[in-house]
PDB file of all heavy atoms in Angstrom:
ATOM      1  N   ASP A   1     100.989 101.589 100.633  1.00  0.00           N
ATOM      2  CA  ASP A   1     101.603 101.364 101.958  1.00  0.00           C
ATOM      3  C   ASP A   1     100.595 100.851 102.976  1.00  0.00           C
ATOM      4  O   ASP A   1     100.938 100.012 103.807  1.00  0.00           O
ATOM      5  CB  ASP A   1     102.235 102.667 102.453  1.00  0.00           C
ATOM      6  CG  ASP A   1     103.407 103.083 101.592  1.00  0.00           C
ATOM      7  OD1 ASP A   1     104.521 102.602 101.837  1.00  0.00           O
ATOM      8  OD2 ASP A   1     103.191 103.863 100.630  1.00  0.00           O
ATOM      9  N   LEU A   2      99.360 101.347 102.908  1.00  0.00           N
ATOM     10  CA  LEU A   2      98.332 100.901 103.861  1.00  0.00           C
ATOM     11  C   LEU A   2      96.986 100.836 103.163  1.00  0.00           C
ATOM     12  O   LEU A   2      96.499 101.848 102.631  1.00  0.00           O
ATOM     13  CB  LEU A   2      98.250 101.840 105.062  1.00  0.00           C
ATOM     14  CG  LEU A   2      97.260 101.430 106.164  1.00  0.00           C
ATOM     15  CD1 LEU A   2      97.699 100.121 106.821  1.00  0.00           C
ATOM     16  CD2 LEU A   2      97.122 102.521 107.222  1.00  0.00           C
ATOM     17  N   MET A   3      96.379  99.673 103.172  1.00  0.00           N
ATOM     18  CA  MET A   3      95.036  99.454 102.653  1.00  0.00           C
ATOM     19  C   MET A   3      94.089  99.346 103.838  1.00  0.00           C
ATOM     20  O   MET A   3      94.352  98.567 104.765  1.00  0.00           O
ATOM     21  CB  MET A   3      95.001  98.159 101.837  1.00  0.00           C
ATOM     22  CG  MET A   3      93.619  97.702 101.387  1.00  0.00           C
ATOM     23  SD  MET A   3      93.017  98.644 100.008  1.00  0.00           S
ATOM     24  CE  MET A   3      94.202  98.168  98.750  1.00  0.00           C
ATOM     25  N   VAL A   4      92.994 100.105 103.829  1.00  0.00           N
ATOM     26  CA  VAL A   4      92.054 100.108 104.946  1.00  0.00           C
ATOM     27  C   VAL A   4      90.636  99.924 104.413  1.00  0.00           C
ATOM     28  O   VAL A   4      90.221 100.612 103.474  1.00  0.00           O
ATOM     29  CB  VAL A   4      92.117 101.429 105.739  1.00  0.00           C
ATOM     30  CG1 VAL A   4      91.167 101.377 106.938  1.00  0.00           C
ATOM     31  CG2 VAL A   4      93.524 101.714 106.202  1.00  0.00           C
ATOM     32  N   GLY A   5      89.883  98.998 105.011  1.00  0.00           N
ATOM     33  CA  GLY A   5      88.510  98.818 104.620  1.00  0.00           C
ATOM     34  C   GLY A   5      87.676  98.245 105.749  1.00  0.00           C
ATOM     35  O   GLY A   5      88.146  97.384 106.490  1.00  0.00           O
ATOM     36  N   ALA A   6      86.433  98.715 105.865  1.00  0.00           N
ATOM     37  CA  ALA A   6      85.495  98.197 106.858  1.00  0.00           C
ATOM     38  C   ALA A   6      84.231  97.738 106.146  1.00  0.00           C
ATOM     39  O   ALA A   6      83.830  98.293 105.128  1.00  0.00           O
ATOM     40  CB  ALA A   6      85.151  99.281 107.882  1.00  0.00           C
ATOM     41  N   SER A   7      83.603  96.682 106.671  1.00  0.00           N
ATOM     42  CA  SER A   7      82.370  96.148 106.120  1.00  0.00           C
ATOM     43  C   SER A   7      82.610  95.702 104.682  1.00  0.00           C
ATOM     44  O   SER A   7      83.560  94.979 104.416  1.00  0.00           O
ATOM     45  CB  SER A   7      81.253  97.195 106.239  1.00  0.00           C
ATOM     46  OG  SER A   7      79.995  96.611 106.045  1.00  0.00           O
ATOM     47  N   ILE A   8      81.805  96.150 103.703  1.00  0.00           N
ATOM     48  CA  ILE A   8      82.072  95.764 102.305  1.00  0.00           C
ATOM     49  C   ILE A   8      83.388  96.410 101.832  1.00  0.00           C
ATOM     50  O   ILE A   8      84.019  95.892 100.910  1.00  0.00           O
ATOM     51  CB  ILE A   8      80.898  96.139 101.369  1.00  0.00           C
ATOM     52  CG1 ILE A   8      81.070  95.470  99.994  1.00  0.00           C
ATOM     53  CG2 ILE A   8      80.757  97.635 101.234  1.00  0.00           C
ATOM     54  CD1 ILE A   8      79.910  95.668  99.036  1.00  0.00           C
ATOM     55  N   GLY A   9      83.816  97.477 102.491  1.00  0.00           N
ATOM     56  CA  GLY A   9      85.149  98.012 102.217  1.00  0.00           C
ATOM     57  C   GLY A   9      86.224  97.010 102.604  1.00  0.00           C
ATOM     58  O   GLY A   9      87.252  96.883 101.950  1.00  0.00           O
ATOM     59  N   GLY A  10      85.955  96.261 103.663  1.00  0.00           N
ATOM     60  CA  GLY A  10      86.872  95.192 104.063  1.00  0.00           C
ATOM     61  C   GLY A  10      86.855  94.036 103.081  1.00  0.00           C
ATOM     62  O   GLY A  10      87.878  93.399 102.833  1.00  0.00           O
ATOM     63  N   PHE A  11      85.665  93.747 102.520  1.00  0.00           N
ATOM     64  CA  PHE A  11      85.593  92.731 101.469  1.00  0.00           C
ATOM     65  C   PHE A  11      86.539  93.105 100.325  1.00  0.00           C
ATOM     66  O   PHE A  11      87.274  92.275  99.809  1.00  0.00           O
ATOM     67  CB  PHE A  11      84.168  92.631 100.906  1.00  0.00           C
ATOM     68  CG  PHE A  11      83.126  92.060 101.831  1.00  0.00           C
ATOM     69  CD1 PHE A  11      83.421  91.704 103.130  1.00  0.00           C
ATOM     70  CD2 PHE A  11      81.828  91.865 101.388  1.00  0.00           C
ATOM     71  CE1 PHE A  11      82.439  91.171 103.982  1.00  0.00           C
ATOM     72  CE2 PHE A  11      80.837  91.322 102.213  1.00  0.00           C
ATOM     73  CZ  PHE A  11      81.154  90.986 103.520  1.00  0.00           C
ATOM     74  N   GLN A  12      86.467  94.382  99.926  1.00  0.00           N
ATOM     75  CA  GLN A  12      87.323  94.861  98.834  1.00  0.00           C
ATOM     76  C   GLN A  12      88.803  94.762  99.216  1.00  0.00           C
ATOM     77  O   GLN A  12      89.633  94.322  98.409  1.00  0.00           O
ATOM     78  CB  GLN A  12      86.986  96.308  98.506  1.00  0.00           C
ATOM     79  CG  GLN A  12      85.585  96.555  97.997  1.00  0.00           C
ATOM     80  CD  GLN A  12      85.262  98.024  97.972  1.00  0.00           C
ATOM     81  OE1 GLN A  12      85.890  98.811  97.250  1.00  0.00           O
ATOM     82  NE2 GLN A  12      84.284  98.452  98.766  1.00  0.00           N
ATOM     83  N   ALA A  13      89.115  95.202 100.447  1.00  0.00           N
ATOM     84  CA  ALA A  13      90.511  95.244 100.883  1.00  0.00           C
ATOM     85  C   ALA A  13      91.139  93.852 100.878  1.00  0.00           C
ATOM     86  O   ALA A  13      92.265  93.657 100.395  1.00  0.00           O
ATOM     87  CB  ALA A  13      90.599  95.889 102.265  1.00  0.00           C
ATOM     88  N   VAL A  14      90.424  92.862 101.409  1.00  0.00           N
ATOM     89  CA  VAL A  14      91.019  91.526 101.475  1.00  0.00           C
ATOM     90  C   VAL A  14      91.089  90.894 100.074  1.00  0.00           C
ATOM     91  O   VAL A  14      92.046  90.190  99.751  1.00  0.00           O
ATOM     92  CB  VAL A  14      90.271  90.619 102.479  1.00  0.00           C
ATOM     93  CG1 VAL A  14      88.880  90.223 101.992  1.00  0.00           C
ATOM     94  CG2 VAL A  14      91.093  89.378 102.803  1.00  0.00           C
ATOM     95  N   GLU A  15      90.097  91.171  99.226  1.00  0.00           N
ATOM     96  CA  GLU A  15      90.153  90.677  97.833  1.00  0.00           C
ATOM     97  C   GLU A  15      91.383  91.260  97.127  1.00  0.00           C
ATOM     98  O   GLU A  15      92.090  90.560  96.415  1.00  0.00           O
ATOM     99  CB  GLU A  15      88.890  91.079  97.080  1.00  0.00           C
ATOM    100  CG  GLU A  15      87.798  90.035  97.078  1.00  0.00           C
ATOM    101  CD  GLU A  15      88.119  88.816  96.242  1.00  0.00           C
ATOM    102  OE1 GLU A  15      89.114  88.803  95.486  1.00  0.00           O
ATOM    103  OE2 GLU A  15      87.371  87.831  96.349  1.00  0.00           O
ATOM    104  N   TRP A  16      91.594  92.562  97.305  1.00  0.00           N
ATOM    105  CA  TRP A  16      92.711  93.212  96.638  1.00  0.00           C
ATOM    106  C   TRP A  16      94.049  92.655  97.123  1.00  0.00           C
ATOM    107  O   TRP A  16      94.988  92.474  96.344  1.00  0.00           O
ATOM    108  CB  TRP A  16      92.635  94.721  96.867  1.00  0.00           C
ATOM    109  CG  TRP A  16      93.421  95.539  95.890  1.00  0.00           C
ATOM    110  CD1 TRP A  16      94.396  95.112  95.036  1.00  0.00           C
ATOM    111  CD2 TRP A  16      93.278  96.939  95.648  1.00  0.00           C
ATOM    112  NE1 TRP A  16      94.884  96.154  94.288  1.00  0.00           N
ATOM    113  CE2 TRP A  16      94.209  97.290  94.637  1.00  0.00           C
ATOM    114  CE3 TRP A  16      92.470  97.921  96.181  1.00  0.00           C
ATOM    115  CZ2 TRP A  16      94.350  98.600  94.166  1.00  0.00           C
ATOM    116  CZ3 TRP A  16      92.599  99.225  95.704  1.00  0.00           C
ATOM    117  CH2 TRP A  16      93.521  99.554  94.710  1.00  0.00           C
ATOM    118  N   CYS A  17      94.130  92.352  98.417  1.00  0.00           N
ATOM    119  CA  CYS A  17      95.371  91.778  98.964  1.00  0.00           C
ATOM    120  C   CYS A  17      95.664  90.406  98.379  1.00  0.00           C
ATOM    121  O   CYS A  17      96.826  89.960  98.382  1.00  0.00           O
ATOM    122  CB  CYS A  17      95.284  91.689 100.488  1.00  0.00           C
ATOM    123  SG  CYS A  17      95.451  93.280 101.325  1.00  0.00           S
ATOM    124  N   VAL A  18      94.642  89.713  97.868  1.00  0.00           N
ATOM    125  CA  VAL A  18      94.836  88.427  97.199  1.00  0.00           C
ATOM    126  C   VAL A  18      95.097  88.641  95.703  1.00  0.00           C
ATOM    127  O   VAL A  18      95.928  87.954  95.111  1.00  0.00           O
ATOM    128  CB  VAL A  18      93.610  87.515  97.420  1.00  0.00           C
ATOM    129  CG1 VAL A  18      93.698  86.259  96.550  1.00  0.00           C
ATOM    130  CG2 VAL A  18      93.500  87.116  98.889  1.00  0.00           C
ATOM    131  N   MET A  19      94.404  89.609  95.116  1.00  0.00           N
ATOM    132  CA  MET A  19      94.540  89.853  93.679  1.00  0.00           C
ATOM    133  C   MET A  19      95.875  90.479  93.300  1.00  0.00           C
ATOM    134  O   MET A  19      96.454  90.171  92.254  1.00  0.00           O
ATOM    135  CB  MET A  19      93.390  90.724  93.183  1.00  0.00           C
ATOM    136  CG  MET A  19      92.048  90.020  93.207  1.00  0.00           C
ATOM    137  SD  MET A  19      90.628  91.121  92.928  1.00  0.00           S
ATOM    138  CE  MET A  19      90.793  91.465  91.179  1.00  0.00           C
ATOM    139  N   GLU A  20      96.400  91.363  94.145  1.00  0.00           N
ATOM    140  CA  GLU A  20      97.698  92.022  93.906  1.00  0.00           C
ATOM    141  C   GLU A  20      98.542  91.994  95.182  1.00  0.00           C
ATOM    142  O   GLU A  20      98.847  93.041  95.752  1.00  0.00           O
ATOM    143  CB  GLU A  20      97.504  93.453  93.419  1.00  0.00           C
ATOM    144  CG  GLU A  20      96.874  93.589  92.051  1.00  0.00           C
ATOM    145  CD  GLU A  20      97.040  94.992  91.464  1.00  0.00           C
ATOM    146  OE1 GLU A  20      96.842  95.979  92.228  1.00  0.00           O
ATOM    147  OE2 GLU A  20      97.358  95.118  90.286  1.00  0.00           O
ATOM    148  N   PRO A  21      98.891  90.827  95.658  1.00  0.00           N
ATOM    149  CA  PRO A  21      99.562  90.720  96.973  1.00  0.00           C
ATOM    150  C   PRO A  21     100.877  91.468  97.061  1.00  0.00           C
ATOM    151  O   PRO A  21     101.245  91.980  98.132  1.00  0.00           O
ATOM    152  CB  PRO A  21      99.757  89.208  97.150  1.00  0.00           C
ATOM    153  CG  PRO A  21      99.705  88.643  95.770  1.00  0.00           C
ATOM    154  CD  PRO A  21      98.745  89.503  95.022  1.00  0.00           C
ATOM    155  N   GLU A  22     101.594  91.559  95.964  1.00  0.00           N
ATOM    156  CA  GLU A  22     102.916  92.174  95.983  1.00  0.00           C
ATOM    157  C   GLU A  22     102.877  93.700  96.067  1.00  0.00           C
ATOM    158  O   GLU A  22     103.890  94.340  96.353  1.00  0.00           O
ATOM    159  CB  GLU A  22     103.716  91.748  94.737  1.00  0.00           C
ATOM    160  CG  GLU A  22     103.270  92.388  93.420  1.00  0.00           C
ATOM    161  CD  GLU A  22     101.952  91.859  92.864  1.00  0.00           C
ATOM    162  OE1 GLU A  22     101.421  90.870  93.400  1.00  0.00           O
ATOM    163  OE2 GLU A  22     101.450  92.472  91.888  1.00  0.00           O
ATOM    164  N   ARG A  23     101.694  94.287  95.884  1.00  0.00           N
ATOM    165  CA  ARG A  23     101.600  95.760  95.826  1.00  0.00           C
ATOM    166  C   ARG A  23     101.208  96.402  97.164  1.00  0.00           C
ATOM    167  O   ARG A  23     101.183  97.618  97.275  1.00  0.00           O
ATOM    168  CB  ARG A  23     100.604  96.188  94.754  1.00  0.00           C
ATOM    169  CG  ARG A  23     101.036  95.812  93.341  1.00  0.00           C
ATOM    170  CD  ARG A  23     100.258  96.559  92.304  1.00  0.00           C
ATOM    171  NE  ARG A  23     100.629  96.128  90.952  1.00  0.00           N
ATOM    172  CZ  ARG A  23     101.652  96.623  90.256  1.00  0.00           C
ATOM    173  NH1 ARG A  23     102.399  97.568  90.809  1.00  0.00           N
ATOM    174  NH2 ARG A  23     101.906  96.186  89.049  1.00  0.00           N
ATOM    175  N   ILE A  24     100.858  95.599  98.146  1.00  0.00           N
ATOM    176  CA  ILE A  24     100.309  96.143  99.403  1.00  0.00           C
ATOM    177  C   ILE A  24     101.183  95.730 100.581  1.00  0.00           C
ATOM    178  O   ILE A  24     101.387  94.545 100.834  1.00  0.00           O
ATOM    179  CB  ILE A  24      98.859  95.647  99.598  1.00  0.00           C
ATOM    180  CG1 ILE A  24      98.003  96.081  98.397  1.00  0.00           C
ATOM    181  CG2 ILE A  24      98.284  96.204 100.899  1.00  0.00           C
ATOM    182  CD1 ILE A  24      96.689  95.347  98.292  1.00  0.00           C
ATOM    183  N   SER A  25     101.696  96.733 101.301  1.00  0.00           N
ATOM    184  CA  SER A  25     102.576  96.441 102.448  1.00  0.00           C
ATOM    185  C   SER A  25     101.799  96.087 103.705  1.00  0.00           C
ATOM    186  O   SER A  25     102.127  95.115 104.391  1.00  0.00           O
ATOM    187  CB  SER A  25     103.475  97.661 102.749  1.00  0.00           C
ATOM    188  OG  SER A  25     104.397  97.853 101.721  1.00  0.00           O
ATOM    189  N   ARG A  26     100.812  96.895 104.026  1.00  0.00           N
ATOM    190  CA  ARG A  26     100.030  96.695 105.247  1.00  0.00           C
ATOM    191  C   ARG A  26      98.552  96.813 104.926  1.00  0.00           C
ATOM    192  O   ARG A  26      98.150  97.571 104.057  1.00  0.00           O
ATOM    193  CB  ARG A  26     100.398  97.717 106.335  1.00  0.00           C
ATOM    194  CG  ARG A  26     101.779  97.498 106.936  1.00  0.00           C
ATOM    195  CD  ARG A  26     102.025  98.503 108.060  1.00  0.00           C
ATOM    196  NE  ARG A  26     103.243  98.191 108.780  1.00  0.00           N
ATOM    197  CZ  ARG A  26     104.458  98.579 108.408  1.00  0.00           C
ATOM    198  NH1 ARG A  26     104.604  99.283 107.297  1.00  0.00           N
ATOM    199  NH2 ARG A  26     105.511  98.246 109.115  1.00  0.00           N
ATOM    200  N   ALA A  27      97.749  96.062 105.664  1.00  0.00           N
ATOM    201  CA  ALA A  27      96.304  96.106 105.469  1.00  0.00           C
ATOM    202  C   ALA A  27      95.599  96.071 106.810  1.00  0.00           C
ATOM    203  O   ALA A  27      96.040  95.379 107.741  1.00  0.00           O
ATOM    204  CB  ALA A  27      95.845  94.940 104.600  1.00  0.00           C
ATOM    205  N   VAL A  28      94.521  96.832 106.902  1.00  0.00           N
ATOM    206  CA  VAL A  28      93.685  96.835 108.098  1.00  0.00           C
ATOM    207  C   VAL A  28      92.274  96.462 107.672  1.00  0.00           C
ATOM    208  O   VAL A  28      91.639  97.167 106.879  1.00  0.00           O
ATOM    209  CB  VAL A  28      93.675  98.207 108.788  1.00  0.00           C
ATOM    210  CG1 VAL A  28      92.757  98.180 110.015  1.00  0.00           C
ATOM    211  CG2 VAL A  28      95.089  98.603 109.205  1.00  0.00           C
ATOM    212  N   PHE A  29      91.798  95.343 108.181  1.00  0.00           N
ATOM    213  CA  PHE A  29      90.459  94.846 107.873  1.00  0.00           C
ATOM    214  C   PHE A  29      89.579  95.078 109.117  1.00  0.00           C
ATOM    215  O   PHE A  29      89.834  94.500 110.168  1.00  0.00           O
ATOM    216  CB  PHE A  29      90.488  93.355 107.517  1.00  0.00           C
ATOM    217  CG  PHE A  29      91.538  93.001 106.489  1.00  0.00           C
ATOM    218  CD1 PHE A  29      92.536  92.058 106.790  1.00  0.00           C
ATOM    219  CD2 PHE A  29      91.534  93.590 105.246  1.00  0.00           C
ATOM    220  CE1 PHE A  29      93.489  91.704 105.838  1.00  0.00           C
ATOM    221  CE2 PHE A  29      92.484  93.247 104.287  1.00  0.00           C
ATOM    222  CZ  PHE A  29      93.460  92.319 104.579  1.00  0.00           C
ATOM    223  N   ILE A  30      88.546  95.883 108.963  1.00  0.00           N
ATOM    224  CA  ILE A  30      87.713  96.276 110.111  1.00  0.00           C
ATOM    225  C   ILE A  30      86.285  95.757 109.930  1.00  0.00           C
ATOM    226  O   ILE A  30      85.658  95.994 108.891  1.00  0.00           O
ATOM    227  CB  ILE A  30      87.670  97.816 110.262  1.00  0.00           C
ATOM    228  CG1 ILE A  30      89.074  98.408 110.265  1.00  0.00           C
ATOM    229  CG2 ILE A  30      86.902  98.203 111.520  1.00  0.00           C
ATOM    230  CD1 ILE A  30      89.085  99.935 110.132  1.00  0.00           C
ATOM    231  N   ALA A  31      85.773  95.045 110.942  1.00  0.00           N
ATOM    232  CA  ALA A  31      84.380  94.601 110.945  1.00  0.00           C
ATOM    233  C   ALA A  31      83.980  93.995 109.614  1.00  0.00           C
ATOM    234  O   ALA A  31      83.086  94.496 108.913  1.00  0.00           O
ATOM    235  CB  ALA A  31      83.465  95.771 111.295  1.00  0.00           C
ATOM    236  N   THR A  32      84.627  92.914 109.225  1.00  0.00           N
ATOM    237  CA  THR A  32      84.442  92.358 107.901  1.00  0.00           C
ATOM    238  C   THR A  32      84.667  90.840 107.929  1.00  0.00           C
ATOM    239  O   THR A  32      84.759  90.249 109.004  1.00  0.00           O
ATOM    240  CB  THR A  32      85.366  93.078 106.890  1.00  0.00           C
ATOM    241  OG1 THR A  32      84.989  92.726 105.577  1.00  0.00           O
ATOM    242  CG2 THR A  32      86.827  92.790 107.156  1.00  0.00           C
TER     243      THR A  32
END
């Protein structure tokens, strides 16, 4: 429902939103 990542955590979060776009409803990318 919500993916959250900051810094390299944000790198992971945005990569995941591209790798499995259909599985993630909302994402918060912080300082990334």
